[in-house]
């Protein structure tokens, strides 16, 4: 949610009762991870939310590539309500930090700020990795310290260290593969997508210790590769 910028917001249709109505929706985040939306009074979502605030927001992995079913995505379920007037200034600040260009219409009278109060979260980390996250767990979560650096780390590993990924997958995940692609990385480890004789497989490989930045990640990966070669 921290890395994402745009999701698919689904509200309950007023025109066709009982049917979900989904469309692309940019969002900001407050310090609890609650999505903030800037919605025009003319938008279908406004009409729908006025009748029923229940909605869901689907956000897919930033700059996802390859098989979309193998990428991470998350669905937030919650009630989307108008932000109270005393809290609008802070919501405006958070939203503009992500969408500077919206300054041209953010103060138009027919635009209003809405916020989703999250009631449940469903996360899919890739093939066979999925589960529910409680609203309380989501509220207290923090963005991973590698969030902003992860894309560069993944690109570097896939471009320059393919053999190392194959080695780590074989030794630490116990999977022999012809091709290994790092698809995500965080403070505790990384996910790889592996091409094996039996088809595509996914694996999670944990770091030997927690990391907090790109340089620490480099050092830990070098150490793990050295240990894997010795082993």
C-alpha atoms as a PDB file:
ATOM      1  CA  UNK A   1       0.000   0.000   0.000  1.00  0.00           C
ATOM      2  CA  UNK A   2       2.907   2.340   0.737  1.00  0.00           C
ATOM      3  CA  UNK A   3       4.515   1.721  -2.642  1.00  0.00           C
ATOM      4  CA  UNK A   4       1.297   1.752  -4.624  1.00  0.00           C
ATOM      5  CA  UNK A   5      -0.320   4.865  -6.010  1.00  0.00           C
ATOM      6  CA  UNK A   6      -3.411   3.646  -7.825  1.00  0.00           C
ATOM      7  CA  UNK A   7      -5.906   0.904  -7.053  1.00  0.00           C
ATOM      8  CA  UNK A   8      -9.244  -0.387  -8.240  1.00  0.00           C
ATOM      9  CA  UNK A   9     -11.997   0.923  -5.983  1.00  0.00           C
ATOM     10  CA  UNK A  10     -15.213  -1.086  -5.981  1.00  0.00           C
ATOM     11  CA  UNK A  11     -18.386   0.328  -4.484  1.00  0.00           C
ATOM     12  CA  UNK A  12     -21.948  -1.024  -4.408  1.00  0.00           C
ATOM     13  CA  UNK A  13     -23.847   0.189  -7.432  1.00  0.00           C
ATOM     14  CA  UNK A  14     -26.854   2.400  -6.836  1.00  0.00           C
ATOM     15  CA  UNK A  15     -27.938   1.990 -10.455  1.00  0.00           C
ATOM     16  CA  UNK A  16     -27.777  -1.815 -10.306  1.00  0.00           C
ATOM     17  CA  UNK A  17     -28.355  -2.722  -6.644  1.00  0.00           C
ATOM     18  CA  UNK A  18     -26.229  -5.582  -5.384  1.00  0.00           C
ATOM     19  CA  UNK A  19     -23.631  -5.322  -8.140  1.00  0.00           C
ATOM     20  CA  UNK A  20     -20.081  -4.091  -7.467  1.00  0.00           C
ATOM     21  CA  UNK A  21     -18.890  -1.106  -9.498  1.00  0.00           C
ATOM     22  CA  UNK A  22     -15.123  -0.855  -9.930  1.00  0.00           C
ATOM     23  CA  UNK A  23     -12.890   1.789 -11.442  1.00  0.00           C
ATOM     24  CA  UNK A  24      -9.347   3.132 -11.183  1.00  0.00           C
ATOM     25  CA  UNK A  25      -8.757   5.296  -8.122  1.00  0.00           C
ATOM     26  CA  UNK A  26      -5.594   7.104  -6.951  1.00  0.00           C
ATOM     27  CA  UNK A  27      -5.121   7.098  -3.190  1.00  0.00           C
ATOM     28  CA  UNK A  28      -3.023   8.602  -0.448  1.00  0.00           C
ATOM     29  CA  UNK A  29      -2.282   7.036   2.957  1.00  0.00           C
ATOM     30  CA  UNK A  30      -2.534   8.406   6.468  1.00  0.00           C
ATOM     31  CA  UNK A  31      -0.254   7.276   9.305  1.00  0.00           C
ATOM     32  CA  UNK A  32      -2.519   4.283   9.986  1.00  0.00           C
ATOM     33  CA  UNK A  33      -2.382   3.156   6.382  1.00  0.00           C
ATOM     34  CA  UNK A  34      -5.958   4.221   5.697  1.00  0.00           C
ATOM     35  CA  UNK A  35      -6.492   5.107   2.020  1.00  0.00           C
ATOM     36  CA  UNK A  36      -7.497   8.684   1.253  1.00  0.00           C
ATOM     37  CA  UNK A  37      -9.419   9.479  -1.923  1.00  0.00           C
ATOM     38  CA  UNK A  38     -10.235  12.732  -3.698  1.00  0.00           C
ATOM     39  CA  UNK A  39     -13.541  12.136  -5.458  1.00  0.00           C
ATOM     40  CA  UNK A  40     -15.698  14.399  -7.614  1.00  0.00           C
ATOM     41  CA  UNK A  41     -19.367  14.804  -6.795  1.00  0.00           C
ATOM     42  CA  UNK A  42     -20.063  13.728 -10.388  1.00  0.00           C
ATOM     43  CA  UNK A  43     -18.293  10.386  -9.970  1.00  0.00           C
ATOM     44  CA  UNK A  44     -20.326   7.195  -9.775  1.00  0.00           C
ATOM     45  CA  UNK A  45     -18.463   6.272  -6.604  1.00  0.00           C
ATOM     46  CA  UNK A  46     -19.826   9.365  -4.839  1.00  0.00           C
ATOM     47  CA  UNK A  47     -23.405   8.370  -5.605  1.00  0.00           C
ATOM     48  CA  UNK A  48     -22.728   4.796  -4.562  1.00  0.00           C
ATOM     49  CA  UNK A  49     -20.960   5.694  -1.320  1.00  0.00           C
ATOM     50  CA  UNK A  50     -23.717   8.078  -0.292  1.00  0.00           C
ATOM     51  CA  UNK A  51     -26.107   5.146  -0.436  1.00  0.00           C
ATOM     52  CA  UNK A  52     -23.744   2.541   1.079  1.00  0.00           C
ATOM     53  CA  UNK A  53     -20.197   3.226   2.358  1.00  0.00           C
ATOM     54  CA  UNK A  54     -18.991  -0.377   2.012  1.00  0.00           C
ATOM     55  CA  UNK A  55     -16.207  -0.767  -0.544  1.00  0.00           C
ATOM     56  CA  UNK A  56     -13.012  -2.600  -1.437  1.00  0.00           C
ATOM     57  CA  UNK A  57      -9.713  -1.388  -2.842  1.00  0.00           C
ATOM     58  CA  UNK A  58      -7.441  -3.699  -4.856  1.00  0.00           C
ATOM     59  CA  UNK A  59      -3.787  -2.652  -5.170  1.00  0.00           C
ATOM     60  CA  UNK A  60      -1.302  -4.698  -7.185  1.00  0.00           C
ATOM     61  CA  UNK A  61       2.468  -4.876  -6.878  1.00  0.00           C
ATOM     62  CA  UNK A  62       4.172  -1.696  -8.083  1.00  0.00           C
ATOM     63  CA  UNK A  63       5.771  -2.114 -11.510  1.00  0.00           C
ATOM     64  CA  UNK A  64       4.728  -5.736 -11.592  1.00  0.00           C
ATOM     65  CA  UNK A  65       6.093  -7.797 -14.451  1.00  0.00           C
ATOM     66  CA  UNK A  66       5.825 -11.345 -15.666  1.00  0.00           C
ATOM     67  CA  UNK A  67       2.854 -13.486 -14.685  1.00  0.00           C
ATOM     68  CA  UNK A  68       0.343 -11.226 -12.873  1.00  0.00           C
ATOM     69  CA  UNK A  69      -0.879 -14.167 -10.778  1.00  0.00           C
ATOM     70  CA  UNK A  70       2.623 -14.561  -9.403  1.00  0.00           C
ATOM     71  CA  UNK A  71       2.830 -10.957  -8.224  1.00  0.00           C
ATOM     72  CA  UNK A  72       1.772  -9.512  -4.883  1.00  0.00           C
ATOM     73  CA  UNK A  73      -1.560  -7.806  -4.422  1.00  0.00           C
ATOM     74  CA  UNK A  74      -3.756  -6.738  -1.543  1.00  0.00           C
ATOM     75  CA  UNK A  75      -7.469  -6.061  -1.137  1.00  0.00           C
ATOM     76  CA  UNK A  76      -8.689  -3.739   1.603  1.00  0.00           C
ATOM     77  CA  UNK A  77     -12.317  -3.935   2.691  1.00  0.00           C
ATOM     78  CA  UNK A  78     -13.825  -1.060   4.601  1.00  0.00           C
ATOM     79  CA  UNK A  79     -16.250   1.805   4.890  1.00  0.00           C
ATOM     80  CA  UNK A  80     -15.455   4.875   2.784  1.00  0.00           C
ATOM     81  CA  UNK A  81     -16.752   8.039   4.386  1.00  0.00           C
ATOM     82  CA  UNK A  82     -16.327  11.791   3.985  1.00  0.00           C
ATOM     83  CA  UNK A  83     -13.396  13.056   6.044  1.00  0.00           C
ATOM     84  CA  UNK A  84     -14.599  15.411   8.818  1.00  0.00           C
ATOM     85  CA  UNK A  85     -13.827  19.062   8.140  1.00  0.00           C
ATOM     86  CA  UNK A  86     -11.244  19.435  10.966  1.00  0.00           C
ATOM     87  CA  UNK A  87      -9.202  16.610   9.393  1.00  0.00           C
ATOM     88  CA  UNK A  88      -9.406  17.755   5.762  1.00  0.00           C
ATOM     89  CA  UNK A  89      -6.279  19.945   5.894  1.00  0.00           C
ATOM     90  CA  UNK A  90      -4.078  17.008   6.952  1.00  0.00           C
ATOM     91  CA  UNK A  91      -5.690  14.722   4.359  1.00  0.00           C
ATOM     92  CA  UNK A  92      -5.094  17.363   1.686  1.00  0.00           C
ATOM     93  CA  UNK A  93      -1.416  17.583   2.675  1.00  0.00           C
ATOM     94  CA  UNK A  94      -0.940  13.804   2.531  1.00  0.00           C
ATOM     95  CA  UNK A  95      -2.728  13.494  -0.790  1.00  0.00           C
ATOM     96  CA  UNK A  96      -0.814  16.330  -2.457  1.00  0.00           C
ATOM     97  CA  UNK A  97       2.467  14.758  -1.324  1.00  0.00           C
ATOM     98  CA  UNK A  98       1.673  11.866  -3.660  1.00  0.00           C
ATOM     99  CA  UNK A  99      -0.224  13.722  -6.380  1.00  0.00           C
ATOM    100  CA  UNK A 100       1.241  17.185  -6.742  1.00  0.00           C
ATOM    101  CA  UNK A 101      -0.587  17.731 -10.022  1.00  0.00           C
ATOM    102  CA  UNK A 102      -3.945  17.469  -8.235  1.00  0.00           C
ATOM    103  CA  UNK A 103      -3.271  20.927  -6.776  1.00  0.00           C
ATOM    104  CA  UNK A 104      -4.995  22.272  -9.895  1.00  0.00           C
ATOM    105  CA  UNK A 105      -8.390  20.861  -8.830  1.00  0.00           C
ATOM    106  CA  UNK A 106      -8.062  19.774  -5.207  1.00  0.00           C
ATOM    107  CA  UNK A 107      -9.891  22.878  -3.961  1.00  0.00           C
ATOM    108  CA  UNK A 108     -12.743  22.796  -6.478  1.00  0.00           C
ATOM    109  CA  UNK A 109     -16.092  22.802  -4.683  1.00  0.00           C
ATOM    110  CA  UNK A 110     -17.260  19.591  -6.361  1.00  0.00           C
ATOM    111  CA  UNK A 111     -14.292  17.556  -5.015  1.00  0.00           C
ATOM    112  CA  UNK A 112     -14.267  16.032  -1.544  1.00  0.00           C
ATOM    113  CA  UNK A 113     -11.883  13.918   0.502  1.00  0.00           C
ATOM    114  CA  UNK A 114     -12.947  10.448   1.566  1.00  0.00           C
ATOM    115  CA  UNK A 115     -11.167   7.923   3.761  1.00  0.00           C
ATOM    116  CA  UNK A 116     -11.515   4.168   4.050  1.00  0.00           C
ATOM    117  CA  UNK A 117     -11.837   2.832   7.584  1.00  0.00           C
ATOM    118  CA  UNK A 118     -10.369  -0.639   7.065  1.00  0.00           C
ATOM    119  CA  UNK A 119     -12.301  -3.611   8.484  1.00  0.00           C
ATOM    120  CA  UNK A 120     -10.337  -6.467   6.884  1.00  0.00           C
ATOM    121  CA  UNK A 121      -7.400  -7.137   4.566  1.00  0.00           C
ATOM    122  CA  UNK A 122      -6.661 -10.001   2.175  1.00  0.00           C
ATOM    123  CA  UNK A 123      -3.081 -10.326   0.973  1.00  0.00           C
ATOM    124  CA  UNK A 124      -1.711 -12.473  -1.830  1.00  0.00           C
ATOM    125  CA  UNK A 125       2.075 -12.709  -1.940  1.00  0.00           C
ATOM    126  CA  UNK A 126       2.250 -14.845  -5.078  1.00  0.00           C
ATOM    127  CA  UNK A 127       1.495 -18.406  -6.062  1.00  0.00           C
ATOM    128  CA  UNK A 128       0.153 -20.275  -3.027  1.00  0.00           C
ATOM    129  CA  UNK A 129       0.946 -17.449  -0.592  1.00  0.00           C
ATOM    130  CA  UNK A 130      -2.209 -15.774   0.686  1.00  0.00           C
ATOM    131  CA  UNK A 131      -4.201 -15.042   3.788  1.00  0.00           C
ATOM    132  CA  UNK A 132      -6.259 -12.608   5.833  1.00  0.00           C
ATOM    133  CA  UNK A 133      -4.708  -9.801   7.866  1.00  0.00           C
ATOM    134  CA  UNK A 134      -6.797  -8.286  10.647  1.00  0.00           C
ATOM    135  CA  UNK A 135      -7.584  -4.590  10.635  1.00  0.00           C
ATOM    136  CA  UNK A 136      -5.691  -4.191  13.916  1.00  0.00           C
ATOM    137  CA  UNK A 137      -2.569  -5.844  12.480  1.00  0.00           C
ATOM    138  CA  UNK A 138      -2.794  -3.618   9.418  1.00  0.00           C
ATOM    139  CA  UNK A 139      -3.286  -0.454  11.522  1.00  0.00           C
ATOM    140  CA  UNK A 140      -0.122  -1.136  13.525  1.00  0.00           C
ATOM    141  CA  UNK A 141       2.043  -2.219  10.587  1.00  0.00           C
ATOM    142  CA  UNK A 142       4.854  -0.053   9.227  1.00  0.00           C
ATOM    143  CA  UNK A 143       6.206   0.216   5.701  1.00  0.00           C
ATOM    144  CA  UNK A 144       9.222  -2.032   5.216  1.00  0.00           C
ATOM    145  CA  UNK A 145      12.559  -0.141   5.492  1.00  0.00           C
ATOM    146  CA  UNK A 146      13.585  -1.499   2.068  1.00  0.00           C
ATOM    147  CA  UNK A 147      10.378  -0.357   0.394  1.00  0.00           C
ATOM    148  CA  UNK A 148      11.959   2.489  -1.566  1.00  0.00           C
ATOM    149  CA  UNK A 149      15.167   0.588  -2.371  1.00  0.00           C
ATOM    150  CA  UNK A 150      13.618  -2.793  -3.220  1.00  0.00           C
ATOM    151  CA  UNK A 151      13.083  -2.169  -6.937  1.00  0.00           C
ATOM    152  CA  UNK A 152      16.760  -1.304  -7.425  1.00  0.00           C
ATOM    153  CA  UNK A 153      17.922  -4.330  -5.445  1.00  0.00           C
ATOM    154  CA  UNK A 154      15.674  -6.671  -7.448  1.00  0.00           C
ATOM    155  CA  UNK A 155      16.817  -5.187 -10.758  1.00  0.00           C
ATOM    156  CA  UNK A 156      20.486  -5.472  -9.777  1.00  0.00           C
ATOM    157  CA  UNK A 157      20.220  -9.082  -8.618  1.00  0.00           C
ATOM    158  CA  UNK A 158      18.340 -10.198 -11.720  1.00  0.00           C
ATOM    159  CA  UNK A 159      20.714  -8.390 -14.074  1.00  0.00           C
ATOM    160  CA  UNK A 160      24.068  -9.202 -12.490  1.00  0.00           C
ATOM    161  CA  UNK A 161      23.684 -12.121 -10.086  1.00  0.00           C
ATOM    162  CA  UNK A 162      21.541 -14.783 -11.738  1.00  0.00           C
ATOM    163  CA  UNK A 163      23.980 -17.544 -10.801  1.00  0.00           C
ATOM    164  CA  UNK A 164      23.877 -16.481  -7.162  1.00  0.00           C
ATOM    165  CA  UNK A 165      20.087 -16.709  -7.143  1.00  0.00           C
ATOM    166  CA  UNK A 166      20.234 -20.209  -8.636  1.00  0.00           C
ATOM    167  CA  UNK A 167      22.721 -21.210  -5.950  1.00  0.00           C
ATOM    168  CA  UNK A 168      20.690 -19.774  -3.090  1.00  0.00           C
ATOM    169  CA  UNK A 169      17.525 -21.434  -4.383  1.00  0.00           C
ATOM    170  CA  UNK A 170      19.272 -24.799  -4.582  1.00  0.00           C
ATOM    171  CA  UNK A 171      21.044 -24.674  -1.233  1.00  0.00           C
ATOM    172  CA  UNK A 172      18.601 -22.716   0.935  1.00  0.00           C
ATOM    173  CA  UNK A 173      15.247 -23.559  -0.642  1.00  0.00           C
ATOM    174  CA  UNK A 174      16.176 -27.058  -1.798  1.00  0.00           C
ATOM    175  CA  UNK A 175      14.951 -26.425  -5.327  1.00  0.00           C
ATOM    176  CA  UNK A 176      16.983 -27.199  -8.431  1.00  0.00           C
ATOM    177  CA  UNK A 177      16.088 -24.763 -11.196  1.00  0.00           C
ATOM    178  CA  UNK A 178      17.188 -23.611 -14.618  1.00  0.00           C
ATOM    179  CA  UNK A 179      16.186 -20.008 -14.028  1.00  0.00           C
ATOM    180  CA  UNK A 180      15.717 -17.932 -10.873  1.00  0.00           C
ATOM    181  CA  UNK A 181      14.210 -14.454 -10.755  1.00  0.00           C
ATOM    182  CA  UNK A 182      13.985 -12.323  -7.635  1.00  0.00           C
ATOM    183  CA  UNK A 183      10.507 -10.819  -7.550  1.00  0.00           C
ATOM    184  CA  UNK A 184      10.509  -9.023  -4.189  1.00  0.00           C
ATOM    185  CA  UNK A 185      12.751  -8.241  -1.229  1.00  0.00           C
ATOM    186  CA  UNK A 186      12.157  -6.939   2.284  1.00  0.00           C
ATOM    187  CA  UNK A 187      13.993  -6.603   5.582  1.00  0.00           C
ATOM    188  CA  UNK A 188      13.671 -10.320   6.381  1.00  0.00           C
ATOM    189  CA  UNK A 189      14.355 -11.957   3.020  1.00  0.00           C
ATOM    190  CA  UNK A 190      13.226 -12.267  -0.576  1.00  0.00           C
ATOM    191  CA  UNK A 191      10.956 -14.192  -2.934  1.00  0.00           C
ATOM    192  CA  UNK A 192      12.135 -15.903  -6.101  1.00  0.00           C
ATOM    193  CA  UNK A 193      10.252 -17.333  -9.049  1.00  0.00           C
ATOM    194  CA  UNK A 194      11.929 -20.522 -10.264  1.00  0.00           C
ATOM    195  CA  UNK A 195      11.744 -22.334 -13.574  1.00  0.00           C
ATOM    196  CA  UNK A 196      12.155 -26.052 -12.867  1.00  0.00           C
ATOM    197  CA  UNK A 197      11.729 -29.275 -14.830  1.00  0.00           C
ATOM    198  CA  UNK A 198       8.275 -29.579 -13.252  1.00  0.00           C
ATOM    199  CA  UNK A 199       7.196 -26.045 -14.101  1.00  0.00           C
ATOM    200  CA  UNK A 200       7.232 -22.692 -12.353  1.00  0.00           C
ATOM    201  CA  UNK A 201       7.648 -22.586  -8.581  1.00  0.00           C
ATOM    202  CA  UNK A 202       7.941 -19.857  -5.997  1.00  0.00           C
ATOM    203  CA  UNK A 203      10.126 -19.818  -2.897  1.00  0.00           C
ATOM    204  CA  UNK A 204      10.832 -17.580   0.057  1.00  0.00           C
ATOM    205  CA  UNK A 205      14.456 -17.309   1.219  1.00  0.00           C
ATOM    206  CA  UNK A 206      15.122 -15.659   4.561  1.00  0.00           C
ATOM    207  CA  UNK A 207      18.122 -13.462   5.320  1.00  0.00           C
ATOM    208  CA  UNK A 208      20.594 -14.610   7.984  1.00  0.00           C
ATOM    209  CA  UNK A 209      19.737 -11.409   9.845  1.00  0.00           C
ATOM    210  CA  UNK A 210      17.327  -8.512   9.516  1.00  0.00           C
ATOM    211  CA  UNK A 211      18.423  -5.617   7.310  1.00  0.00           C
ATOM    212  CA  UNK A 212      17.400  -1.971   7.246  1.00  0.00           C
ATOM    213  CA  UNK A 213      18.910  -0.529   4.067  1.00  0.00           C
ATOM    214  CA  UNK A 214      20.366  -1.433   0.670  1.00  0.00           C
ATOM    215  CA  UNK A 215      23.990  -1.611   1.872  1.00  0.00           C
ATOM    216  CA  UNK A 216      23.134  -4.043   4.648  1.00  0.00           C
ATOM    217  CA  UNK A 217      21.190  -6.110   2.129  1.00  0.00           C
ATOM    218  CA  UNK A 218      24.234  -6.302  -0.149  1.00  0.00           C
ATOM    219  CA  UNK A 219      26.466  -7.456   2.691  1.00  0.00           C
ATOM    220  CA  UNK A 220      23.999 -10.110   3.847  1.00  0.00           C
ATOM    221  CA  UNK A 221      23.527 -11.476   0.325  1.00  0.00           C
ATOM    222  CA  UNK A 222      27.298 -11.669  -0.203  1.00  0.00           C
ATOM    223  CA  UNK A 223      27.652 -13.569   3.076  1.00  0.00           C
ATOM    224  CA  UNK A 224      24.824 -15.961   2.186  1.00  0.00           C
ATOM    225  CA  UNK A 225      26.295 -16.702  -1.233  1.00  0.00           C
ATOM    226  CA  UNK A 226      29.709 -17.386   0.325  1.00  0.00           C
ATOM    227  CA  UNK A 227      28.165 -19.740   2.860  1.00  0.00           C
ATOM    228  CA  UNK A 228      26.146 -21.491   0.170  1.00  0.00           C
ATOM    229  CA  UNK A 229      29.275 -22.084  -1.917  1.00  0.00           C
ATOM    230  CA  UNK A 230      31.143 -23.455   1.078  1.00  0.00           C
ATOM    231  CA  UNK A 231      28.213 -25.676   1.966  1.00  0.00           C
END
